[in-house]
Amino acid sequence: MVRYYDAADRKDLLCAERTLSAAGIEYAETPPLPGSGLSGAIGIAEEDLPRAAEVLDSARARARH
């Protein structure tokens, strides 16, 4: 599992988790890096990275419009 997504706040973390879960992508919530000021992070299996990037990028694009 690789560290993939650092969430700015709890809402951001929950949104990313919900999006990944809906796409059937397994993830694990991991603690934030010490001193980062972030809420948390998400780890993804390396083989799922391309699909996770596609799904989260698409969700971000929809949220902007």
Protein backbone atom coordinates (compact mmCIF):
# COMPACT_ATOMS: atom_id res chain seq x y z
CA MET A 1 0.00 0.00 0.00
CA VAL A 2 1.29 3.45 -0.90
CA ARG A 3 0.36 6.81 0.56
CA TYR A 4 -1.79 8.38 -2.13
CA TYR A 5 -4.01 11.21 -0.95
CA ASP A 6 -3.46 13.79 1.79
CA ALA A 7 -6.71 15.36 2.97
CA ALA A 8 -6.89 19.03 3.92
CA ASP A 9 -9.69 18.43 6.43
CA ARG A 10 -12.08 15.75 7.64
CA LYS A 11 -14.73 16.66 5.03
CA ASP A 12 -12.15 16.27 2.24
CA LEU A 13 -11.06 12.91 3.66
CA LEU A 14 -14.63 11.60 3.89
CA CYS A 15 -15.42 12.76 0.35
CA ALA A 16 -12.35 10.98 -1.05
CA GLU A 17 -13.19 7.82 0.88
CA ARG A 18 -16.79 7.87 -0.35
CA THR A 19 -15.65 8.36 -3.95
CA LEU A 20 -13.11 5.53 -3.81
CA SER A 21 -15.58 3.22 -2.11
CA ALA A 22 -18.26 3.90 -4.73
CA ALA A 23 -15.74 3.00 -7.44
CA GLY A 24 -14.89 -0.26 -5.68
CA ILE A 25 -11.33 0.80 -4.89
CA GLU A 26 -9.95 -0.51 -1.61
CA TYR A 27 -8.14 2.01 0.57
CA ALA A 28 -6.92 2.47 4.11
CA GLU A 29 -7.03 5.66 6.13
CA THR A 30 -3.60 6.51 7.49
CA PRO A 31 -2.51 9.16 9.99
CA PRO A 32 -1.28 12.50 8.63
CA LEU A 33 2.41 13.24 8.43
CA PRO A 34 3.59 14.84 11.69
CA GLY A 35 3.51 18.63 11.50
CA SER A 36 1.73 18.66 8.14
CA GLY A 37 -1.45 20.26 9.45
CA LEU A 38 -3.47 17.80 7.37
CA SER A 39 -6.46 15.85 8.61
CA GLY A 40 -5.40 12.43 7.39
CA ALA A 41 -4.28 10.45 4.38
CA ILE A 42 -5.42 7.57 2.24
CA GLY A 43 -3.31 4.61 1.23
CA ILE A 44 -4.05 2.72 -1.99
CA ALA A 45 -2.68 -0.53 -3.39
CA GLU A 46 -0.10 0.33 -6.03
CA GLU A 47 -2.01 -1.49 -8.76
CA ASP A 48 -5.10 0.67 -8.03
CA LEU A 49 -3.28 4.01 -8.35
CA PRO A 50 -4.22 4.76 -11.99
CA ARG A 51 -7.92 4.07 -11.39
CA ALA A 52 -7.91 5.99 -8.09
CA ALA A 53 -6.36 9.02 -9.80
CA GLU A 54 -8.97 8.86 -12.57
CA VAL A 55 -11.88 8.58 -10.14
CA LEU A 56 -10.73 11.34 -7.77
CA ASP A 57 -9.77 13.71 -10.62
CA SER A 58 -13.20 13.21 -12.17
CA ALA A 59 -14.93 13.87 -8.83
CA ARG A 60 -12.90 17.07 -8.31
CA ALA A 61 -13.76 18.29 -11.82
CA ARG A 62 -17.48 17.72 -11.19
CA ALA A 63 -17.27 19.54 -7.85
CA ARG A 64 -15.80 22.63 -9.53
CA HIS A 65 -18.74 22.98 -11.93
